[in-house]
Amino acid sequence: MEQHSLTWTIIDRTAEKLGVSDAARKKWRSRRVPWEWRVKIAEELKTSGITVSLADFDDVEASPGRLAA
């Protein structure tokens, strides 16, 4: 599996696929991704062959503002 750098674009697209609302995803940019969603997103990415650790979410800079297009 490929080790991948986690970005807001990847988080947004995966969370949207999992049914997370736009409002919740926007809040994550300043409040961070909740642990339960980190697990779900990491598991979803793993099914696509992308490996991220739960700690990788802490390395994504807080970025209030627009969602990834």
Protein backbone atom coordinates (compact mmCIF):
# COMPACT_ATOMS: atom_id res chain seq x y z
CA MET A 1 0.00 0.00 0.00
CA GLU A 2 1.04 3.52 -0.69
CA GLN A 3 1.95 5.86 2.17
CA HIS A 4 0.31 9.17 1.41
CA SER A 5 0.44 12.73 2.70
CA LEU A 6 -2.95 13.66 4.06
CA THR A 7 -4.48 16.92 2.79
CA TRP A 8 -7.76 18.75 3.31
CA THR A 9 -8.73 17.83 -0.24
CA ILE A 10 -8.39 14.11 0.55
CA ILE A 11 -10.16 14.51 3.90
CA ASP A 12 -13.03 16.51 2.35
CA ARG A 13 -13.61 14.17 -0.57
CA THR A 14 -13.50 11.05 1.58
CA ALA A 15 -15.73 12.53 4.30
CA GLU A 16 -18.23 13.70 1.69
CA LYS A 17 -18.30 10.17 0.27
CA LEU A 18 -19.02 8.90 3.80
CA GLY A 19 -21.94 11.32 4.15
CA VAL A 20 -20.45 14.08 6.34
CA SER A 21 -22.22 17.42 5.81
CA ASP A 22 -20.49 20.44 4.32
CA ALA A 23 -21.03 22.37 7.58
CA ALA A 24 -19.37 19.67 9.69
CA ARG A 25 -16.41 19.36 7.32
CA LYS A 26 -15.91 23.13 7.36
CA LYS A 27 -15.83 23.13 11.19
CA TRP A 28 -13.17 20.44 11.12
CA ARG A 29 -10.76 22.87 9.48
CA SER A 30 -10.50 24.87 12.69
CA ARG A 31 -11.53 22.27 15.28
CA ARG A 32 -9.79 19.23 13.75
CA VAL A 33 -11.31 15.98 12.55
CA PRO A 34 -13.06 14.09 15.39
CA TRP A 35 -11.49 10.75 16.34
CA GLU A 36 -14.45 8.65 15.21
CA TRP A 37 -14.25 10.22 11.75
CA ARG A 38 -10.48 9.86 11.60
CA VAL A 39 -10.94 6.11 11.94
CA LYS A 40 -13.71 5.97 9.31
CA ILE A 41 -11.74 8.13 6.84
CA ALA A 42 -8.53 6.14 7.38
CA GLU A 43 -10.41 2.87 6.81
CA GLU A 44 -12.05 4.22 3.65
CA LEU A 45 -8.71 5.41 2.29
CA LYS A 46 -7.18 2.02 3.07
CA THR A 47 -9.77 0.37 0.79
CA SER A 48 -8.39 2.61 -1.98
CA GLY A 49 -4.83 1.54 -1.24
CA ILE A 50 -3.88 4.74 0.59
CA THR A 51 -2.42 4.26 4.05
CA VAL A 52 -2.62 7.07 6.58
CA SER A 53 -2.18 6.92 10.33
CA LEU A 54 -4.56 8.55 12.78
CA ALA A 55 -1.70 10.82 13.82
CA ASP A 56 -1.45 12.10 10.22
CA PHE A 57 -4.65 14.08 10.84
CA ASP A 58 -2.73 16.16 13.42
CA ASP A 59 -0.19 17.13 10.77
CA VAL A 60 -2.80 18.73 8.50
CA GLU A 61 -2.73 22.48 9.18
CA ALA A 62 -5.87 24.13 10.45
CA SER A 63 -7.31 25.99 7.51
CA PRO A 64 -10.59 27.77 8.15
CA GLY A 65 -12.42 28.61 4.98
CA ARG A 66 -13.69 26.94 1.87
CA LEU A 67 -14.05 23.23 1.40
CA ALA A 68 -11.88 21.48 -1.14
CA ALA A 69 -13.39 21.56 -4.61
